[in-house]
Amino acid sequence: MTDDSHSTVLQISGAALRRGDRELWSGLDLTLAPGELIAVLGPSGSGKTTLLHAILGLERLSEGSITALGEPVRHRGNRRIGYLPQARPLSHETGMRGRDLVALGVDGHRFGLPIPRRRDRARVQHLIDAVGASEFADEPVGVLSGGEQQRLRVGQALADDPRLLLCDEPLTSLDLANQQDVVRLIDEHRRSGAGVLLVTHDINPVLDKVDRILYIANGRFTLGPPHEVLTSEVLSELYGASVFVLRAGGRLVVVGAPDAEESHHYHHEDPE
């Protein structure tokens, strides 16, 4: 695949990132194509969120380069990239309406109050309708449920119709129904031709949508299709310890990895 804005939305070459004497990862090469979804997995502290920050230009690489949407990533934020953060509840005292939260993403006005032009209002309403938030768009966001707030964040992230969407634990603390709704919205945008890089502790809700997995652990990584990455042999080599991927009730369960009880209960429908 050539490094071309029409054939790739993200190109990471020879990337390394260190924090003091600690190397989070190095030698990372990754190409993300339009319409592709790559899930980023690994234990806490392995550098998953840091990778997204580097793509956004908020973290400086120790080595290597990143090209996003045909342009080298600089040490600054890139508003042409959609970003969906973790589903952390907003304060009950937050008086901003749901539509105001979405409006922060329209025409690049992500910080400060949006300019209320007719074109902007129409775009905001389109996004609200698209994420199924019409019923609560005029309510204060502080009184909305976590799932409702996250729907609005999805609308904000998609405001500029980004060809590259970065998602950082977007399903955390959501119930199953809201997880499924958020995954559906992300997948619909992916199928429109956007590339998606999604950090998650729980592969379950997205596994049937994922093209490849980037698994980072112990300063090392592996990249490939889910059926190649989520194996006892591959994960044991990555962790340098015995890790078992077991079939149980038509699912794959990873046992023995650090943070397993928190972040490694993956499953996969048994094709048999």
C-alpha atoms as a PDB file:
ATOM      1  CA  MET A   1       0.000   0.000   0.000  1.00  0.00           C
ATOM      2  CA  THR A   2       1.407   3.375  -0.961  1.00  0.00           C
ATOM      3  CA  ASP A   3       1.603   6.309   1.407  1.00  0.00           C
ATOM      4  CA  ASP A   4      -1.151   8.201  -0.372  1.00  0.00           C
ATOM      5  CA  SER A   5      -4.034  10.200   1.071  1.00  0.00           C
ATOM      6  CA  HIS A   6      -6.466   8.159  -1.049  1.00  0.00           C
ATOM      7  CA  SER A   7      -5.183   4.749   0.091  1.00  0.00           C
ATOM      8  CA  THR A   8      -4.275   5.462   3.712  1.00  0.00           C
ATOM      9  CA  VAL A   9      -5.521   7.812   6.400  1.00  0.00           C
ATOM     10  CA  LEU A  10      -2.742   7.079   8.879  1.00  0.00           C
ATOM     11  CA  GLN A  11       0.879   6.041   8.432  1.00  0.00           C
ATOM     12  CA  ILE A  12       3.120   5.374  11.451  1.00  0.00           C
ATOM     13  CA  SER A  13       6.745   4.590  10.643  1.00  0.00           C
ATOM     14  CA  GLY A  14       9.461   3.431  13.048  1.00  0.00           C
ATOM     15  CA  ALA A  15       7.706   5.105  15.955  1.00  0.00           C
ATOM     16  CA  ALA A  16       9.043   4.970  19.502  1.00  0.00           C
ATOM     17  CA  LEU A  17       7.980   6.750  22.649  1.00  0.00           C
ATOM     18  CA  ARG A  18       9.863   6.809  25.938  1.00  0.00           C
ATOM     19  CA  ARG A  19       9.030   8.228  29.344  1.00  0.00           C
ATOM     20  CA  GLY A  20      12.291   8.758  31.160  1.00  0.00           C
ATOM     21  CA  ASP A  21      14.101   5.419  31.209  1.00  0.00           C
ATOM     22  CA  ARG A  22      10.951   3.519  30.295  1.00  0.00           C
ATOM     23  CA  GLU A  23      10.192   2.618  26.697  1.00  0.00           C
ATOM     24  CA  LEU A  24       6.455   2.316  26.059  1.00  0.00           C
ATOM     25  CA  TRP A  25       6.958   0.957  22.545  1.00  0.00           C
ATOM     26  CA  SER A  26       9.418   1.229  19.669  1.00  0.00           C
ATOM     27  CA  GLY A  27       9.728   0.218  16.028  1.00  0.00           C
ATOM     28  CA  LEU A  28       5.992   0.643  15.484  1.00  0.00           C
ATOM     29  CA  ASP A  29       4.915   0.541  11.836  1.00  0.00           C
ATOM     30  CA  LEU A  30       1.207   0.815  11.144  1.00  0.00           C
ATOM     31  CA  THR A  31      -0.913   1.777   8.142  1.00  0.00           C
ATOM     32  CA  LEU A  32      -4.633   2.430   8.543  1.00  0.00           C
ATOM     33  CA  ALA A  33      -6.733   2.309   5.388  1.00  0.00           C
ATOM     34  CA  PRO A  34     -10.062   4.052   4.734  1.00  0.00           C
ATOM     35  CA  GLY A  35     -12.896   1.905   6.075  1.00  0.00           C
ATOM     36  CA  GLU A  36     -10.587  -0.102   8.360  1.00  0.00           C
ATOM     37  CA  LEU A  37     -11.005  -0.490  12.127  1.00  0.00           C
ATOM     38  CA  ILE A  38      -7.993  -1.370  14.252  1.00  0.00           C
ATOM     39  CA  ALA A  39      -8.522  -2.075  17.965  1.00  0.00           C
ATOM     40  CA  VAL A  40      -5.650  -1.227  20.324  1.00  0.00           C
ATOM     41  CA  LEU A  41      -5.401  -3.549  23.334  1.00  0.00           C
ATOM     42  CA  GLY A  42      -3.045  -4.068  26.231  1.00  0.00           C
ATOM     43  CA  PRO A  43      -2.711  -3.656  29.990  1.00  0.00           C
ATOM     44  CA  SER A  44      -3.002  -0.306  31.735  1.00  0.00           C
ATOM     45  CA  GLY A  45       0.107   1.824  31.312  1.00  0.00           C
ATOM     46  CA  SER A  46       1.207   0.142  28.090  1.00  0.00           C
ATOM     47  CA  GLY A  47       0.910   3.353  26.065  1.00  0.00           C
ATOM     48  CA  LYS A  48      -2.415   2.926  24.269  1.00  0.00           C
ATOM     49  CA  THR A  49      -3.795   6.379  25.036  1.00  0.00           C
ATOM     50  CA  THR A  50      -0.331   7.857  24.548  1.00  0.00           C
ATOM     51  CA  LEU A  51      -0.382   6.517  20.992  1.00  0.00           C
ATOM     52  CA  LEU A  52      -3.599   8.411  20.287  1.00  0.00           C
ATOM     53  CA  HIS A  53      -2.113  11.559  21.796  1.00  0.00           C
ATOM     54  CA  ALA A  54       0.914  11.204  19.524  1.00  0.00           C
ATOM     55  CA  ILE A  55      -1.362  10.957  16.478  1.00  0.00           C
ATOM     56  CA  LEU A  56      -3.188  14.084  17.649  1.00  0.00           C
ATOM     57  CA  GLY A  57       0.140  15.893  17.992  1.00  0.00           C
ATOM     58  CA  LEU A  58      -0.172  16.165  21.770  1.00  0.00           C
ATOM     59  CA  GLU A  59       2.766  13.845  22.493  1.00  0.00           C
ATOM     60  CA  ARG A  60       6.157  14.031  20.806  1.00  0.00           C
ATOM     61  CA  LEU A  61       7.616  10.784  19.486  1.00  0.00           C
ATOM     62  CA  SER A  62      11.085   9.779  20.637  1.00  0.00           C
ATOM     63  CA  GLU A  63      11.739   8.333  17.170  1.00  0.00           C
ATOM     64  CA  GLY A  64       9.904   7.866  13.893  1.00  0.00           C
ATOM     65  CA  SER A  65       7.110   9.743  12.201  1.00  0.00           C
ATOM     66  CA  ILE A  66       3.343   9.902  11.868  1.00  0.00           C
ATOM     67  CA  THR A  67       1.434  11.046   8.791  1.00  0.00           C
ATOM     68  CA  ALA A  68      -2.305  11.588   9.212  1.00  0.00           C
ATOM     69  CA  LEU A  69      -4.624  12.477   6.331  1.00  0.00           C
ATOM     70  CA  GLY A  70      -1.641  13.058   4.060  1.00  0.00           C
ATOM     71  CA  GLU A  71       0.119  15.520   6.379  1.00  0.00           C
ATOM     72  CA  PRO A  72       2.954  15.032   8.884  1.00  0.00           C
ATOM     73  CA  VAL A  73       1.728  15.270  12.453  1.00  0.00           C
ATOM     74  CA  ARG A  74       3.224  18.230  14.250  1.00  0.00           C
ATOM     75  CA  HIS A  75       3.462  18.965  17.957  1.00  0.00           C
ATOM     76  CA  ARG A  76      -0.035  20.455  18.047  1.00  0.00           C
ATOM     77  CA  GLY A  77      -3.601  19.267  17.874  1.00  0.00           C
ATOM     78  CA  ASN A  78      -5.096  18.438  14.483  1.00  0.00           C
ATOM     79  CA  ARG A  79      -8.748  19.415  14.319  1.00  0.00           C
ATOM     80  CA  ARG A  80      -9.238  17.479  11.093  1.00  0.00           C
ATOM     81  CA  ILE A  81      -9.098  14.276  13.150  1.00  0.00           C
ATOM     82  CA  GLY A  82     -12.194  13.121  15.022  1.00  0.00           C
ATOM     83  CA  TYR A  83     -11.582  12.234  18.671  1.00  0.00           C
ATOM     84  CA  LEU A  84     -13.976  10.336  20.933  1.00  0.00           C
ATOM     85  CA  PRO A  85     -12.792  10.262  24.563  1.00  0.00           C
ATOM     86  CA  GLN A  86     -13.639   7.966  27.425  1.00  0.00           C
ATOM     87  CA  ALA A  87     -17.245   7.917  28.598  1.00  0.00           C
ATOM     88  CA  ARG A  88     -16.697   9.887  31.794  1.00  0.00           C
ATOM     89  CA  PRO A  89     -19.854  11.408  33.257  1.00  0.00           C
ATOM     90  CA  LEU A  90     -20.141  15.181  33.269  1.00  0.00           C
ATOM     91  CA  SER A  91     -20.964  17.001  36.488  1.00  0.00           C
ATOM     92  CA  HIS A  92     -24.617  17.346  37.484  1.00  0.00           C
ATOM     93  CA  GLU A  93     -23.917  21.072  37.778  1.00  0.00           C
ATOM     94  CA  THR A  94     -23.049  21.357  34.086  1.00  0.00           C
ATOM     95  CA  GLY A  95     -25.716  23.630  32.613  1.00  0.00           C
ATOM     96  CA  MET A  96     -24.725  23.270  28.963  1.00  0.00           C
ATOM     97  CA  ARG A  97     -27.451  21.693  26.824  1.00  0.00           C
ATOM     98  CA  GLY A  98     -26.870  18.552  24.835  1.00  0.00           C
ATOM     99  CA  ARG A  99     -26.954  20.410  21.533  1.00  0.00           C
ATOM    100  CA  ASP A 100     -24.364  22.865  22.858  1.00  0.00           C
ATOM    101  CA  LEU A 101     -21.983  19.969  23.484  1.00  0.00           C
ATOM    102  CA  VAL A 102     -22.412  18.786  19.899  1.00  0.00           C
ATOM    103  CA  ALA A 103     -22.041  22.347  18.618  1.00  0.00           C
ATOM    104  CA  LEU A 104     -18.540  22.561  20.097  1.00  0.00           C
ATOM    105  CA  GLY A 105     -17.415  20.259  17.295  1.00  0.00           C
ATOM    106  CA  VAL A 106     -19.028  22.131  14.404  1.00  0.00           C
ATOM    107  CA  ASP A 107     -16.720  24.110  12.110  1.00  0.00           C
ATOM    108  CA  GLY A 108     -13.807  23.528  14.455  1.00  0.00           C
ATOM    109  CA  HIS A 109     -15.318  25.381  17.425  1.00  0.00           C
ATOM    110  CA  ARG A 110     -14.364  22.733  19.950  1.00  0.00           C
ATOM    111  CA  PHE A 111     -13.261  25.190  22.588  1.00  0.00           C
ATOM    112  CA  GLY A 112     -15.411  28.101  23.670  1.00  0.00           C
ATOM    113  CA  LEU A 113     -18.934  28.896  22.595  1.00  0.00           C
ATOM    114  CA  PRO A 114     -19.926  28.097  19.000  1.00  0.00           C
ATOM    115  CA  ILE A 115     -21.007  30.826  16.587  1.00  0.00           C
ATOM    116  CA  PRO A 116     -24.771  30.361  16.108  1.00  0.00           C
ATOM    117  CA  ARG A 117     -24.977  30.627  12.316  1.00  0.00           C
ATOM    118  CA  ARG A 118     -27.850  29.032  10.393  1.00  0.00           C
ATOM    119  CA  ARG A 119     -25.523  26.567   8.660  1.00  0.00           C
ATOM    120  CA  ASP A 120     -24.091  25.568  12.038  1.00  0.00           C
ATOM    121  CA  ARG A 121     -27.526  25.049  13.582  1.00  0.00           C
ATOM    122  CA  ALA A 122     -28.575  22.823  10.694  1.00  0.00           C
ATOM    123  CA  ARG A 123     -25.385  20.747  10.991  1.00  0.00           C
ATOM    124  CA  VAL A 124     -25.835  20.368  14.759  1.00  0.00           C
ATOM    125  CA  GLN A 125     -29.410  19.180  14.315  1.00  0.00           C
ATOM    126  CA  HIS A 126     -28.312  16.687  11.644  1.00  0.00           C
ATOM    127  CA  LEU A 127     -25.699  15.258  14.024  1.00  0.00           C
ATOM    128  CA  ILE A 128     -28.186  15.087  16.896  1.00  0.00           C
ATOM    129  CA  ASP A 129     -30.618  13.180  14.708  1.00  0.00           C
ATOM    130  CA  ALA A 130     -27.862  10.872  13.442  1.00  0.00           C
ATOM    131  CA  VAL A 131     -26.816   9.786  16.946  1.00  0.00           C
ATOM    132  CA  GLY A 132     -30.396   9.415  18.180  1.00  0.00           C
ATOM    133  CA  ALA A 133     -30.211  12.279  20.674  1.00  0.00           C
ATOM    134  CA  SER A 134     -33.220  14.342  19.599  1.00  0.00           C
ATOM    135  CA  GLU A 135     -35.287  13.529  22.693  1.00  0.00           C
ATOM    136  CA  PHE A 136     -32.729  14.921  25.133  1.00  0.00           C
ATOM    137  CA  ALA A 137     -30.753  17.438  23.046  1.00  0.00           C
ATOM    138  CA  ASP A 138     -32.242  20.417  24.900  1.00  0.00           C
ATOM    139  CA  GLU A 139     -31.700  18.992  28.375  1.00  0.00           C
ATOM    140  CA  PRO A 140     -28.710  20.049  30.526  1.00  0.00           C
ATOM    141  CA  VAL A 141     -25.970  17.504  29.879  1.00  0.00           C
ATOM    142  CA  GLY A 142     -25.330  17.164  33.607  1.00  0.00           C
ATOM    143  CA  VAL A 143     -28.667  15.426  34.148  1.00  0.00           C
ATOM    144  CA  LEU A 144     -28.266  12.967  31.255  1.00  0.00           C
ATOM    145  CA  SER A 145     -27.185   9.358  31.645  1.00  0.00           C
ATOM    146  CA  GLY A 146     -23.686   8.246  30.708  1.00  0.00           C
ATOM    147  CA  GLY A 147     -24.982   6.635  27.531  1.00  0.00           C
ATOM    148  CA  GLU A 148     -26.840   9.782  26.492  1.00  0.00           C
ATOM    149  CA  GLN A 149     -23.779  11.924  27.139  1.00  0.00           C
ATOM    150  CA  GLN A 150     -21.630   9.574  25.077  1.00  0.00           C
ATOM    151  CA  ARG A 151     -24.051   9.727  22.136  1.00  0.00           C
ATOM    152  CA  LEU A 152     -23.598  13.505  22.181  1.00  0.00           C
ATOM    153  CA  ARG A 153     -19.810  13.105  22.294  1.00  0.00           C
ATOM    154  CA  VAL A 154     -20.047  10.872  19.230  1.00  0.00           C
ATOM    155  CA  GLY A 155     -21.962  13.643  17.472  1.00  0.00           C
ATOM    156  CA  GLN A 156     -19.266  16.123  18.457  1.00  0.00           C
ATOM    157  CA  ALA A 157     -16.480  13.825  17.248  1.00  0.00           C
ATOM    158  CA  LEU A 158     -18.203  13.374  13.866  1.00  0.00           C
ATOM    159  CA  ALA A 159     -18.952  17.078  13.397  1.00  0.00           C
ATOM    160  CA  ASP A 160     -16.320  17.587  10.701  1.00  0.00           C
ATOM    161  CA  ASP A 161     -17.049  14.216   9.050  1.00  0.00           C
ATOM    162  CA  PRO A 162     -13.479  13.086   9.871  1.00  0.00           C
ATOM    163  CA  ARG A 163     -11.728  10.546   7.672  1.00  0.00           C
ATOM    164  CA  LEU A 164      -9.689   9.485  10.719  1.00  0.00           C
ATOM    165  CA  LEU A 165     -11.525   8.755  13.962  1.00  0.00           C
ATOM    166  CA  LEU A 166      -9.619   8.064  17.193  1.00  0.00           C
ATOM    167  CA  CYS A 167     -11.582   6.486  20.040  1.00  0.00           C
ATOM    168  CA  ASP A 168     -10.149   6.231  23.554  1.00  0.00           C
ATOM    169  CA  GLU A 169     -12.072   3.714  25.683  1.00  0.00           C
ATOM    170  CA  PRO A 170     -15.411   5.013  24.339  1.00  0.00           C
ATOM    171  CA  LEU A 171     -17.457   2.212  25.948  1.00  0.00           C
ATOM    172  CA  THR A 172     -16.162   2.446  29.522  1.00  0.00           C
ATOM    173  CA  SER A 173     -18.928   2.531  32.154  1.00  0.00           C
ATOM    174  CA  LEU A 174     -21.707   2.113  29.572  1.00  0.00           C
ATOM    175  CA  ASP A 175     -24.314  -0.618  29.871  1.00  0.00           C
ATOM    176  CA  LEU A 176     -24.609  -3.230  27.135  1.00  0.00           C
ATOM    177  CA  ALA A 177     -27.391  -1.456  25.224  1.00  0.00           C
ATOM    178  CA  ASN A 178     -25.490   1.845  25.116  1.00  0.00           C
ATOM    179  CA  GLN A 179     -22.272   0.047  24.185  1.00  0.00           C
ATOM    180  CA  GLN A 180     -24.051  -1.492  21.227  1.00  0.00           C
ATOM    181  CA  ASP A 181     -25.467   1.872  20.158  1.00  0.00           C
ATOM    182  CA  VAL A 182     -22.081   3.624  20.331  1.00  0.00           C
ATOM    183  CA  VAL A 183     -20.398   0.756  18.445  1.00  0.00           C
ATOM    184  CA  ARG A 184     -23.089   0.987  15.776  1.00  0.00           C
ATOM    185  CA  LEU A 185     -22.468   4.724  15.338  1.00  0.00           C
ATOM    186  CA  ILE A 186     -18.708   4.228  15.083  1.00  0.00           C
ATOM    187  CA  ASP A 187     -19.166   1.367  12.630  1.00  0.00           C
ATOM    188  CA  GLU A 188     -21.548   3.386  10.446  1.00  0.00           C
ATOM    189  CA  HIS A 189     -18.916   6.112  10.178  1.00  0.00           C
ATOM    190  CA  ARG A 190     -16.240   3.535   9.377  1.00  0.00           C
ATOM    191  CA  ARG A 191     -18.383   2.097   6.592  1.00  0.00           C
ATOM    192  CA  SER A 192     -18.657   5.577   5.115  1.00  0.00           C
ATOM    193  CA  GLY A 193     -14.920   5.352   4.383  1.00  0.00           C
ATOM    194  CA  ALA A 194     -13.234   6.590   7.564  1.00  0.00           C
ATOM    195  CA  GLY A 195     -10.354   4.808   9.244  1.00  0.00           C
ATOM    196  CA  VAL A 196     -10.884   4.086  12.947  1.00  0.00           C
ATOM    197  CA  LEU A 197      -8.306   3.435  15.669  1.00  0.00           C
ATOM    198  CA  LEU A 198     -10.107   2.326  18.834  1.00  0.00           C
ATOM    199  CA  VAL A 199      -8.463   1.817  22.222  1.00  0.00           C
ATOM    200  CA  THR A 200     -10.397  -0.568  24.428  1.00  0.00           C
ATOM    201  CA  HIS A 201     -10.050  -2.778  27.492  1.00  0.00           C
ATOM    202  CA  ASP A 202     -12.948  -4.940  26.367  1.00  0.00           C
ATOM    203  CA  ILE A 203     -12.849  -6.360  22.857  1.00  0.00           C
ATOM    204  CA  ASN A 204     -16.229  -8.041  23.227  1.00  0.00           C
ATOM    205  CA  PRO A 205     -18.538  -5.319  21.869  1.00  0.00           C
ATOM    206  CA  VAL A 206     -16.390  -4.560  18.807  1.00  0.00           C
ATOM    207  CA  LEU A 207     -14.734  -7.836  17.848  1.00  0.00           C
ATOM    208  CA  ASP A 208     -17.052  -8.590  14.936  1.00  0.00           C
ATOM    209  CA  LYS A 209     -16.273  -5.113  13.528  1.00  0.00           C
ATOM    210  CA  VAL A 210     -12.492  -5.249  13.949  1.00  0.00           C
ATOM    211  CA  ASP A 211     -10.176  -5.818  10.990  1.00  0.00           C
ATOM    212  CA  ARG A 212      -6.921  -5.965  12.941  1.00  0.00           C
ATOM    213  CA  ILE A 213      -5.695  -5.782  16.536  1.00  0.00           C
ATOM    214  CA  LEU A 214      -2.650  -3.892  17.782  1.00  0.00           C
ATOM    215  CA  TYR A 215      -1.734  -5.481  21.105  1.00  0.00           C
ATOM    216  CA  ILE A 216       0.837  -3.600  23.219  1.00  0.00           C
ATOM    217  CA  ALA A 217       2.449  -5.088  26.341  1.00  0.00           C
ATOM    218  CA  ASN A 218       5.823  -4.953  28.095  1.00  0.00           C
ATOM    219  CA  GLY A 219       7.182  -2.422  25.617  1.00  0.00           C
ATOM    220  CA  ARG A 220       6.445  -4.806  22.758  1.00  0.00           C
ATOM    221  CA  PHE A 221       3.567  -5.185  20.347  1.00  0.00           C
ATOM    222  CA  THR A 222       1.972  -7.445  17.785  1.00  0.00           C
ATOM    223  CA  LEU A 223      -0.350  -6.481  14.939  1.00  0.00           C
ATOM    224  CA  GLY A 224      -2.646  -8.711  12.925  1.00  0.00           C
ATOM    225  CA  PRO A 225      -6.164 -10.108  12.482  1.00  0.00           C
ATOM    226  CA  PRO A 226      -7.940 -11.058  15.725  1.00  0.00           C
ATOM    227  CA  HIS A 227      -7.668 -14.797  15.120  1.00  0.00           C
ATOM    228  CA  GLU A 228      -3.885 -14.466  14.760  1.00  0.00           C
ATOM    229  CA  VAL A 229      -3.269 -12.126  17.697  1.00  0.00           C
ATOM    230  CA  LEU A 230      -5.584 -13.588  20.342  1.00  0.00           C
ATOM    231  CA  THR A 231      -3.803 -16.926  20.751  1.00  0.00           C
ATOM    232  CA  SER A 232      -1.983 -18.488  23.696  1.00  0.00           C
ATOM    233  CA  GLU A 233       1.293 -18.615  21.785  1.00  0.00           C
ATOM    234  CA  VAL A 234       1.274 -14.999  20.607  1.00  0.00           C
ATOM    235  CA  LEU A 235       0.219 -13.473  23.935  1.00  0.00           C
ATOM    236  CA  SER A 236       2.608 -15.658  25.938  1.00  0.00           C
ATOM    237  CA  GLU A 237       5.487 -14.459  23.782  1.00  0.00           C
ATOM    238  CA  LEU A 238       4.333 -10.850  24.095  1.00  0.00           C
ATOM    239  CA  TYR A 239       4.103 -10.961  27.891  1.00  0.00           C
ATOM    240  CA  GLY A 240       7.075 -13.224  28.433  1.00  0.00           C
ATOM    241  CA  ALA A 241       4.890 -15.398  30.654  1.00  0.00           C
ATOM    242  CA  SER A 242       2.339 -18.156  30.268  1.00  0.00           C
ATOM    243  CA  VAL A 243      -0.931 -16.741  28.982  1.00  0.00           C
ATOM    244  CA  PHE A 244      -3.788 -18.995  27.954  1.00  0.00           C
ATOM    245  CA  VAL A 245      -6.558 -18.279  25.472  1.00  0.00           C
ATOM    246  CA  LEU A 246      -9.389 -20.662  26.264  1.00  0.00           C
ATOM    247  CA  ARG A 247     -12.649 -21.515  24.540  1.00  0.00           C
ATOM    248  CA  ALA A 248     -15.592 -21.383  26.912  1.00  0.00           C
ATOM    249  CA  GLY A 249     -19.184 -21.398  25.764  1.00  0.00           C
ATOM    250  CA  GLY A 250     -18.283 -20.252  22.287  1.00  0.00           C
ATOM    251  CA  ARG A 251     -16.025 -17.508  23.592  1.00  0.00           C
ATOM    252  CA  LEU A 252     -12.308 -16.905  23.893  1.00  0.00           C
ATOM    253  CA  VAL A 253     -11.169 -16.028  27.418  1.00  0.00           C
ATOM    254  CA  VAL A 254      -7.627 -14.795  28.117  1.00  0.00           C
ATOM    255  CA  VAL A 255      -6.205 -16.069  31.411  1.00  0.00           C
ATOM    256  CA  GLY A 256      -2.930 -15.252  33.125  1.00  0.00           C
ATOM    257  CA  ALA A 257      -2.133 -11.843  31.608  1.00  0.00           C
ATOM    258  CA  PRO A 258      -1.423  -8.867  33.882  1.00  0.00           C
ATOM    259  CA  ASP A 259      -4.590  -6.812  34.462  1.00  0.00           C
ATOM    260  CA  ALA A 260      -6.558  -9.856  33.293  1.00  0.00           C
ATOM    261  CA  GLU A 261      -9.338  -9.301  35.786  1.00  0.00           C
ATOM    262  CA  GLU A 262      -9.667  -5.695  34.619  1.00  0.00           C
ATOM    263  CA  SER A 263      -9.002  -5.712  30.930  1.00  0.00           C
ATOM    264  CA  HIS A 264      -8.500  -9.079  29.297  1.00  0.00           C
ATOM    265  CA  HIS A 265     -11.817 -10.902  29.297  1.00  0.00           C
ATOM    266  CA  TYR A 266     -12.028 -11.078  25.544  1.00  0.00           C
ATOM    267  CA  HIS A 267     -14.429 -13.314  23.720  1.00  0.00           C
ATOM    268  CA  HIS A 268     -14.938 -14.457  20.190  1.00  0.00           C
ATOM    269  CA  GLU A 269     -17.807 -16.414  18.752  1.00  0.00           C
ATOM    270  CA  ASP A 270     -16.674 -19.917  17.937  1.00  0.00           C
ATOM    271  CA  PRO A 271     -17.033 -20.401  14.154  1.00  0.00           C
ATOM    272  CA  GLU A 272     -17.854 -24.038  14.820  1.00  0.00           C
END
